[in-house]
Structures are given as C-alpha cells and as structure tokens.
Amino acid sequence: MRRQLALVCGLLTLTVVGLGFGTPYVPLPDLPGEFVVTELRLPRLVLALIAGACLGAAGLVLQEALRNPLAVPEMLGVSSGAALGVAAPLVLAVPVPLPAQPLLAIGGAAIGGLLTLLAAGFGRSPSAVLLTGAAVAAALQATLLVLMVLADQLDLQLIYRYLLGSLSARTWDDVTGLWPWLAMAVPALVLCAPVLSVLRLGDDDARALGVRVRHARLAALAIAVLLIAPVVAVCGPVAWVGFLAPQLARRLRPGGDAVRWLPWAAVWGALVVACADLPARLALLPIETPVGAWTALLGVPAGVVLLKTAGNRRPAGPAEAKEYAGGAAR
C-alpha cells in the first residue's frame, strides 16, 4: 500500500509541476497567480483527472460484468456511439447548444450499447456481448467515416482532433458541466461494485447467490454509459484508458475484488490521462497533439505486458482459477 501511495503521489506531483511548462514557461512559485495556469492549464489538468477516473472506473465495470479483461468501451459500441452522437451534428451543420452535447453523447452511447445487447441476446453470454460489441463499434465507426466525406476541410480537422481525444482549449465550463453526471454515476458505482464481485464468480454461482445476472449486466452497461458518454462529449474518445487502468488496479492490488479495485481503477485512469497530457502539450511545442494518441501509444504496449504477466501468474484460489479458466476458454 505504501508503495502504491508513493507512486500515485509522485505521478500527481509530476503533473502539477508540469503546469509551469509550455508557452509561456511559468516558474513554480508563480503558478497560483498566472492567468494561463489558473484559467487554461489548471482546468485542463482537472478535466484530465476527472475524465481518466470515469474511463478507468467504466473499464473495470465492463470487464468485471463480462468477466473479460478485453471488455473496454472502445470494443462495445459505447465510445463509438457517443462520438457519433457528438460529431454527426457537426458534420451535418446542425446547430447544437453546448449544454446539449452530453445528452447527444449519452444518446449515441446508449444506442451503441443497446445495439450490442440486442444483437447479443441482451447479455445472455458475456463472450457474445464482447464479440458483438466489436462488430457494432466497427459499424458505427464506418458510419462516422461516411459522414466525414460530407464535411468541409475545417470541420474535418476539428473532427479528426476530437476523435483522437483532445483536452486542448478546455475551460472551467467544461469541468463544471461534468458534475451533474458524476453526481448520478458515483452513487450507482458504489451500489454496483458488490454485485460485480459476485458476477465474476460466473453466471451459475451468481444466480445461486440470488443475483439476477442479466439485469445486473444491463445495469452495469448503463452505469458505464453514464460514465463514458459525458467524458466523450467533452474530450472525445480517449483511447485505452478503460483497458489499462483496471489492469494496473488488479496488478497492484492482487487478490482483491471489484469493491477494492474500483477506486484504484479510477485513480490510475486519472493518472494515465494526466500524465499522457504532458507529452501532448510539450512534445511538439508550440503544436499540441491529442492526448488520446499518447494514451494509445503508451497504453497498448503497457497493457499487453500487464496481461502477459498476469497470465503467467498462478491463480491463488478456486474462484480465481475459475476466472482464469473462463478467460482461457474465451
């Protein structure tokens, strides 16, 4: 626990110190009084932490509900649906007020998740949900590509940047716009975590313990949509955070369950996005790059290593052995 807290504090300190770097450079003692820090870089950092926490928690919810470490928002039609809901009005030149964008994202994410569930028989099989979700996500992305053919050059550049996931030019208004959704999602997460711990035992064991498996799985998907869609509306689909953060939480808290992993998945998701935003701002100064490109570039190889080392670890007990057996079968 001490090692984990020290690592978290170190990474968080790194991101705070990073507030001073950029154009212009701000010395550390002058950070609190500089406009560029308090009105541009600080809300960007806070938004990165909130977005990463939401994506990390959503990734753990999906992986535990479907008992598969590859069940991430990008492969279930949720992120693609949310991105389509926000980008389509821009392509079609439909004026949408800024407060309505999260509603469009939630609608698109809900449609993507609903299509996945309809095609997979409403969660009858976790493997079917995952495979069907990948197909639905590909179809939604293809639809978005078709719409992008209709966009002019300026809109196309904005859409490309948005689809890669970007924190550029975000303000305190973007941060405050997420609080109503968080106020609904956090209590739902607290109630959902114990059920997720039961679901990972398997459908038969969960039913024997009194859990309505299909209803619980649908509720988990709804909570994931509530976490993912507002973030995608503001930042775009920041890739692979929902995959990497739960892997780090499990690796650093072995032998736990969803109740213990959930807060750590949120913490690691927040740190992954905040740390990835440093090279996004600084690597090609004065040009900013999308943070989603860095989370994918750094997250994919790190996630593969974590999965490989986790697969080589010997299961500690019967429940974990069943989990490994189920993962191998899938």
Protein backbone atom coordinates (compact mmCIF):
# COMPACT_ATOMS: atom_id res chain seq x y z
CA MET A 1 0.00 0.00 0.00
CA ARG A 2 2.81 2.43 0.83
CA ARG A 3 4.50 1.77 -2.49
CA GLN A 4 1.24 2.40 -4.33
CA LEU A 5 0.57 5.65 -2.49
CA ALA A 6 4.14 6.82 -3.09
CA LEU A 7 3.80 6.08 -6.82
CA VAL A 8 0.46 7.89 -7.02
CA CYS A 9 1.82 10.93 -5.16
CA GLY A 10 4.90 11.01 -7.39
CA LEU A 11 2.90 10.94 -10.61
CA LEU A 12 0.45 13.54 -9.31
CA THR A 13 3.35 15.79 -8.30
CA LEU A 14 4.80 15.39 -11.80
CA THR A 15 1.55 16.55 -13.39
CA VAL A 16 1.25 19.55 -11.04
CA VAL A 17 4.84 20.60 -11.73
CA GLY A 18 4.06 20.24 -15.42
CA LEU A 19 1.60 23.13 -15.13
CA GLY A 20 4.53 25.50 -15.38
CA PHE A 21 5.90 24.11 -18.63
CA GLY A 22 4.68 25.25 -22.01
CA THR A 23 4.41 28.55 -23.84
CA PRO A 24 4.93 30.65 -21.80
CA TYR A 25 7.01 28.97 -19.12
CA VAL A 26 5.81 29.79 -15.59
CA PRO A 27 8.17 29.29 -12.61
CA LEU A 28 6.81 27.13 -9.81
CA PRO A 29 6.43 29.97 -7.24
CA ASP A 30 4.37 31.99 -9.75
CA LEU A 31 1.89 29.24 -10.63
CA PRO A 32 -1.03 30.38 -8.40
CA GLY A 33 -1.18 33.90 -9.83
CA GLU A 34 -0.72 33.33 -13.56
CA PHE A 35 -3.80 33.58 -15.79
CA VAL A 36 -2.50 30.98 -18.26
CA VAL A 37 -2.21 28.50 -15.38
CA THR A 38 -5.42 29.18 -13.45
CA GLU A 39 -7.71 29.59 -16.48
CA LEU A 40 -6.17 27.27 -19.08
CA ARG A 41 -3.74 24.69 -17.72
CA LEU A 42 -5.37 24.01 -14.34
CA PRO A 43 -8.89 23.30 -15.71
CA ARG A 44 -7.25 21.10 -18.32
CA LEU A 45 -5.48 19.14 -15.58
CA VAL A 46 -8.67 18.82 -13.50
CA LEU A 47 -10.59 17.68 -16.59
CA ALA A 48 -7.87 15.12 -17.37
CA LEU A 49 -8.15 13.69 -13.84
CA ILE A 50 -11.96 13.52 -13.95
CA ALA A 51 -12.08 12.05 -17.46
CA GLY A 52 -9.44 9.45 -16.65
CA ALA A 53 -11.19 8.46 -13.42
CA CYS A 54 -14.50 8.00 -15.25
CA LEU A 55 -12.94 5.95 -18.05
CA GLY A 56 -10.91 3.82 -15.64
CA ALA A 57 -13.96 3.05 -13.48
CA ALA A 58 -16.11 2.34 -16.55
CA GLY A 59 -13.48 -0.05 -17.88
CA LEU A 60 -13.44 -2.01 -14.64
CA VAL A 61 -17.26 -2.16 -14.55
CA LEU A 62 -17.38 -3.58 -18.07
CA GLN A 63 -14.55 -6.05 -17.55
CA GLU A 64 -15.99 -7.40 -14.31
CA ALA A 65 -19.55 -7.57 -15.62
CA LEU A 66 -18.44 -9.50 -18.72
CA ARG A 67 -15.58 -11.35 -16.98
CA ASN A 68 -13.13 -10.44 -19.72
CA PRO A 69 -10.11 -8.08 -19.49
CA LEU A 70 -10.66 -7.02 -23.12
CA ALA A 71 -14.15 -5.63 -22.46
CA VAL A 72 -13.34 -1.95 -22.93
CA PRO A 73 -15.56 0.96 -24.06
CA GLU A 74 -13.88 1.04 -27.48
CA MET A 75 -14.97 -2.56 -28.20
CA LEU A 76 -18.59 -2.41 -27.04
CA GLY A 77 -20.00 0.32 -29.26
CA VAL A 78 -20.29 2.73 -26.32
CA SER A 79 -17.43 5.11 -27.16
CA SER A 80 -18.13 4.94 -30.89
CA GLY A 81 -21.81 5.68 -30.34
CA ALA A 82 -21.02 8.66 -28.11
CA ALA A 83 -18.52 10.04 -30.61
CA LEU A 84 -21.03 9.63 -33.45
CA GLY A 85 -23.71 11.42 -31.43
CA VAL A 86 -21.45 14.46 -30.99
CA ALA A 87 -19.69 14.51 -34.38
CA ALA A 88 -22.68 13.86 -36.65
CA PRO A 89 -24.42 17.21 -35.96
CA LEU A 90 -21.13 18.98 -36.63
CA VAL A 91 -20.70 17.20 -39.97
CA LEU A 92 -24.31 17.85 -40.97
CA ALA A 93 -24.11 21.52 -39.86
CA VAL A 94 -26.88 21.10 -37.27
CA PRO A 95 -26.53 23.79 -34.57
CA VAL A 96 -26.39 22.20 -31.12
CA PRO A 97 -26.07 24.21 -27.88
CA LEU A 98 -23.03 23.31 -25.79
CA PRO A 99 -25.10 22.06 -22.79
CA ALA A 100 -26.89 19.61 -25.08
CA GLN A 101 -23.73 17.86 -26.28
CA PRO A 102 -23.52 15.48 -23.29
CA LEU A 103 -27.14 14.47 -23.99
CA LEU A 104 -26.24 13.69 -27.60
CA ALA A 105 -23.24 11.68 -26.42
CA ILE A 106 -25.34 9.75 -23.91
CA GLY A 107 -27.94 9.07 -26.58
CA GLY A 108 -25.31 7.82 -29.01
CA ALA A 109 -23.63 5.69 -26.35
CA ALA A 110 -26.97 4.23 -25.28
CA ILE A 111 -27.83 3.39 -28.89
CA GLY A 112 -24.44 1.72 -29.38
CA GLY A 113 -24.83 -0.29 -26.17
CA LEU A 114 -28.44 -1.18 -26.99
CA LEU A 115 -27.49 -2.41 -30.47
CA THR A 116 -24.79 -4.57 -28.88
CA LEU A 117 -27.23 -6.04 -26.37
CA LEU A 118 -29.94 -6.63 -28.98
CA ALA A 119 -27.54 -8.46 -31.27
CA ALA A 120 -26.12 -10.46 -28.35
CA GLY A 121 -29.46 -11.51 -26.88
CA PHE A 122 -29.44 -8.95 -24.05
CA GLY A 123 -26.37 -10.17 -22.28
CA ARG A 124 -27.14 -13.87 -22.38
CA SER A 125 -23.44 -14.64 -22.90
CA PRO A 126 -20.52 -12.38 -21.90
CA SER A 127 -18.46 -13.61 -24.85
CA ALA A 128 -21.30 -12.87 -27.27
CA VAL A 129 -21.64 -9.35 -25.89
CA LEU A 130 -17.92 -8.68 -26.39
CA LEU A 131 -17.75 -10.06 -29.94
CA THR A 132 -20.97 -8.37 -30.98
CA GLY A 133 -19.84 -5.10 -29.44
CA ALA A 134 -16.69 -5.12 -31.55
CA ALA A 135 -18.83 -5.53 -34.69
CA VAL A 136 -21.22 -2.74 -33.61
CA ALA A 137 -18.29 -0.43 -32.85
CA ALA A 138 -16.84 -1.08 -36.31
CA ALA A 139 -20.21 -0.34 -37.93
CA LEU A 140 -20.60 2.93 -36.01
CA GLN A 141 -17.08 4.00 -36.92
CA ALA A 142 -17.79 3.21 -40.58
CA THR A 143 -20.94 5.34 -40.39
CA LEU A 144 -18.93 8.21 -39.00
CA LEU A 145 -16.34 7.86 -41.78
CA VAL A 146 -19.10 8.05 -44.38
CA LEU A 147 -20.44 11.23 -42.78
CA MET A 148 -16.96 12.73 -42.71
CA VAL A 149 -16.84 12.56 -46.50
CA LEU A 150 -19.53 15.25 -46.44
CA ALA A 151 -17.59 17.58 -44.13
CA ASP A 152 -15.59 20.58 -45.32
CA GLN A 153 -11.88 20.84 -44.60
CA LEU A 154 -12.17 22.93 -41.42
CA ASP A 155 -14.80 20.68 -39.86
CA LEU A 156 -12.77 17.66 -40.89
CA GLN A 157 -9.73 18.88 -38.95
CA LEU A 158 -11.86 19.50 -35.87
CA ILE A 159 -13.45 16.06 -36.13
CA TYR A 160 -10.11 14.29 -36.54
CA ARG A 161 -8.75 16.05 -33.47
CA TYR A 162 -11.90 15.28 -31.49
CA LEU A 163 -11.93 11.60 -32.46
CA LEU A 164 -8.36 11.17 -31.24
CA GLY A 165 -9.31 12.59 -27.83
CA SER A 166 -8.14 16.10 -27.01
CA LEU A 167 -8.00 18.34 -23.93
CA SER A 168 -6.94 21.42 -25.88
CA ALA A 169 -8.72 24.73 -25.15
CA ARG A 170 -10.85 23.26 -22.36
CA THR A 171 -12.03 25.63 -19.61
CA TRP A 172 -13.72 25.55 -16.22
CA ASP A 173 -17.11 25.48 -18.01
CA ASP A 174 -16.22 22.07 -19.42
CA VAL A 175 -15.27 20.85 -15.95
CA THR A 176 -18.43 22.10 -14.23
CA GLY A 177 -20.55 20.55 -16.98
CA LEU A 178 -19.48 17.08 -15.83
CA TRP A 179 -20.57 17.41 -12.18
CA PRO A 180 -24.29 16.62 -12.68
CA TRP A 181 -23.40 13.39 -14.43
CA LEU A 182 -20.87 12.46 -11.77
CA ALA A 183 -23.49 13.10 -9.09
CA MET A 184 -25.62 10.37 -10.68
CA ALA A 185 -22.82 7.97 -11.61
CA VAL A 186 -20.88 7.82 -8.32
CA PRO A 187 -23.75 6.52 -6.13
CA ALA A 188 -24.61 3.99 -8.84
CA LEU A 189 -20.98 2.81 -8.84
CA VAL A 190 -21.00 2.34 -5.07
CA LEU A 191 -24.14 0.20 -5.29
CA CYS A 192 -22.87 -1.73 -8.32
CA ALA A 193 -19.43 -2.76 -7.00
CA PRO A 194 -20.56 -5.59 -4.65
CA VAL A 195 -22.69 -7.10 -7.43
CA LEU A 196 -19.72 -7.04 -9.79
CA SER A 197 -17.73 -9.05 -7.26
CA VAL A 198 -20.44 -11.72 -7.41
CA LEU A 199 -20.73 -11.66 -11.23
CA ARG A 200 -17.06 -12.53 -11.69
CA LEU A 201 -17.72 -15.89 -9.98
CA GLY A 202 -19.73 -16.97 -13.02
CA ASP A 203 -23.37 -16.82 -14.02
CA ASP A 204 -24.40 -20.04 -12.29
CA ASP A 205 -22.77 -19.12 -8.98
CA ALA A 206 -24.16 -15.60 -9.17
CA ARG A 207 -27.70 -16.94 -9.67
CA ALA A 208 -27.22 -19.28 -6.75
CA LEU A 209 -26.38 -16.24 -4.60
CA GLY A 210 -29.58 -14.50 -5.66
CA VAL A 211 -28.26 -12.16 -8.38
CA ARG A 212 -30.35 -11.61 -11.49
CA VAL A 213 -27.45 -11.92 -13.87
CA ARG A 214 -28.96 -10.39 -16.98
CA HIS A 215 -30.44 -7.43 -15.10
CA ALA A 216 -27.14 -6.86 -13.31
CA ARG A 217 -25.25 -6.93 -16.59
CA LEU A 218 -27.66 -4.43 -18.14
CA ALA A 219 -27.30 -2.16 -15.10
CA ALA A 220 -23.50 -2.34 -15.38
CA LEU A 221 -23.66 -1.31 -19.04
CA ALA A 222 -25.99 1.59 -18.15
CA ILE A 223 -23.54 2.81 -15.49
CA ALA A 224 -20.66 2.54 -17.95
CA VAL A 225 -22.63 4.64 -20.45
CA LEU A 226 -23.30 7.25 -17.76
CA LEU A 227 -19.55 7.44 -17.04
CA ILE A 228 -18.25 7.35 -20.59
CA ALA A 229 -20.66 9.49 -22.61
CA PRO A 230 -20.21 12.89 -20.84
CA VAL A 231 -16.44 12.47 -20.98
CA VAL A 232 -16.54 11.64 -24.69
CA ALA A 233 -18.78 14.68 -25.27
CA VAL A 234 -16.12 16.98 -23.78
CA CYS A 235 -12.80 15.26 -24.56
CA GLY A 236 -13.54 12.82 -27.34
CA PRO A 237 -12.92 9.06 -27.05
CA VAL A 238 -9.60 8.97 -25.15
CA ALA A 239 -8.41 5.50 -26.13
CA TRP A 240 -7.33 2.56 -23.99
CA VAL A 241 -7.67 4.20 -20.59
CA GLY A 242 -10.56 1.86 -19.77
CA PHE A 243 -8.28 -1.06 -20.62
CA LEU A 244 -5.07 -0.02 -18.90
CA ALA A 245 -6.38 1.42 -15.60
CA PRO A 246 -8.18 -1.78 -14.44
CA GLN A 247 -5.10 -3.84 -15.31
CA LEU A 248 -2.95 -1.59 -13.12
CA ALA A 249 -5.50 -1.75 -10.31
CA ARG A 250 -5.54 -5.55 -10.36
CA ARG A 251 -1.78 -5.83 -10.65
CA LEU A 252 -1.10 -3.53 -7.72
CA ARG A 253 -3.92 -4.93 -5.56
CA PRO A 254 -3.75 -8.70 -6.24
CA GLY A 255 -6.25 -10.92 -4.52
CA GLY A 256 -8.88 -8.18 -4.34
CA ASP A 257 -12.33 -7.85 -5.82
CA ALA A 258 -14.36 -5.18 -7.61
CA VAL A 259 -15.04 -3.27 -4.39
CA ARG A 260 -11.30 -2.82 -3.76
CA TRP A 261 -10.28 -2.41 -7.39
CA LEU A 262 -12.87 0.22 -8.36
CA PRO A 263 -11.33 3.24 -6.57
CA TRP A 264 -7.86 2.23 -7.71
CA ALA A 265 -9.04 1.87 -11.31
CA ALA A 266 -10.39 5.42 -11.08
CA VAL A 267 -7.11 6.69 -9.59
CA TRP A 268 -4.97 5.01 -12.22
CA GLY A 269 -7.24 6.18 -15.02
CA ALA A 270 -6.92 9.75 -13.76
CA LEU A 271 -3.13 9.49 -13.58
CA VAL A 272 -2.83 7.86 -17.00
CA VAL A 273 -4.69 10.71 -18.72
CA ALA A 274 -2.99 13.44 -16.67
CA CYS A 275 0.49 12.04 -17.37
CA ALA A 276 -0.29 11.47 -21.07
CA ASP A 277 -1.37 15.11 -21.36
CA LEU A 278 2.17 16.26 -20.53
CA PRO A 279 3.72 14.98 -23.79
CA ALA A 280 0.52 16.01 -25.58
CA ARG A 281 1.23 19.61 -24.56
CA LEU A 282 5.01 19.64 -24.59
CA ALA A 283 6.42 17.08 -27.05
CA LEU A 284 5.98 19.17 -30.22
CA LEU A 285 5.85 22.71 -28.85
CA PRO A 286 4.24 25.00 -29.90
CA ILE A 287 1.95 22.42 -31.54
CA GLU A 288 -0.31 20.39 -29.26
CA THR A 289 -1.05 16.75 -30.03
CA PRO A 290 -4.19 14.83 -28.99
CA VAL A 291 -3.94 13.16 -25.60
CA GLY A 292 -5.74 10.08 -26.94
CA ALA A 293 -2.85 9.42 -29.31
CA TRP A 294 -0.48 9.26 -26.33
CA THR A 295 -2.73 7.06 -24.18
CA ALA A 296 -2.92 4.60 -27.06
CA LEU A 297 0.79 4.84 -27.88
CA LEU A 298 1.87 4.26 -24.27
CA GLY A 299 -1.11 2.26 -23.03
CA VAL A 300 -1.26 -0.55 -25.56
CA PRO A 301 2.27 -1.95 -25.02
CA ALA A 302 1.97 -1.45 -21.24
CA GLY A 303 -1.38 -3.24 -21.23
CA VAL A 304 -0.02 -6.15 -23.27
CA VAL A 305 2.83 -6.56 -20.79
CA LEU A 306 0.40 -6.49 -17.85
CA LEU A 307 -1.86 -9.07 -19.48
CA LYS A 308 1.09 -11.32 -20.28
CA THR A 309 2.50 -11.20 -16.77
CA ALA A 310 -0.97 -11.69 -15.27
CA GLY A 311 -1.48 -14.73 -17.47
CA ASN A 312 1.77 -16.23 -16.20
CA ARG A 313 0.76 -15.70 -12.56
CA ARG A 314 -0.55 -18.79 -10.84
CA PRO A 315 -4.18 -18.48 -9.63
CA ALA A 316 -4.41 -18.11 -5.89
CA GLY A 317 -7.69 -19.90 -5.21
CA PRO A 318 -10.72 -21.67 -6.70
CA ALA A 319 -12.59 -18.50 -7.65
CA GLU A 320 -9.55 -17.04 -9.38
CA ALA A 321 -8.83 -20.38 -11.05
CA LYS A 322 -12.35 -20.36 -12.49
CA GLU A 323 -11.78 -16.82 -13.75
CA TYR A 324 -8.55 -17.81 -15.49
CA ALA A 325 -10.23 -20.89 -16.98
CA GLY A 326 -13.09 -18.75 -18.31
CA GLY A 327 -10.67 -16.25 -19.80
CA ALA A 328 -8.69 -19.02 -21.49
CA ALA A 329 -11.86 -20.51 -22.94
CA ARG A 330 -12.84 -17.17 -24.42
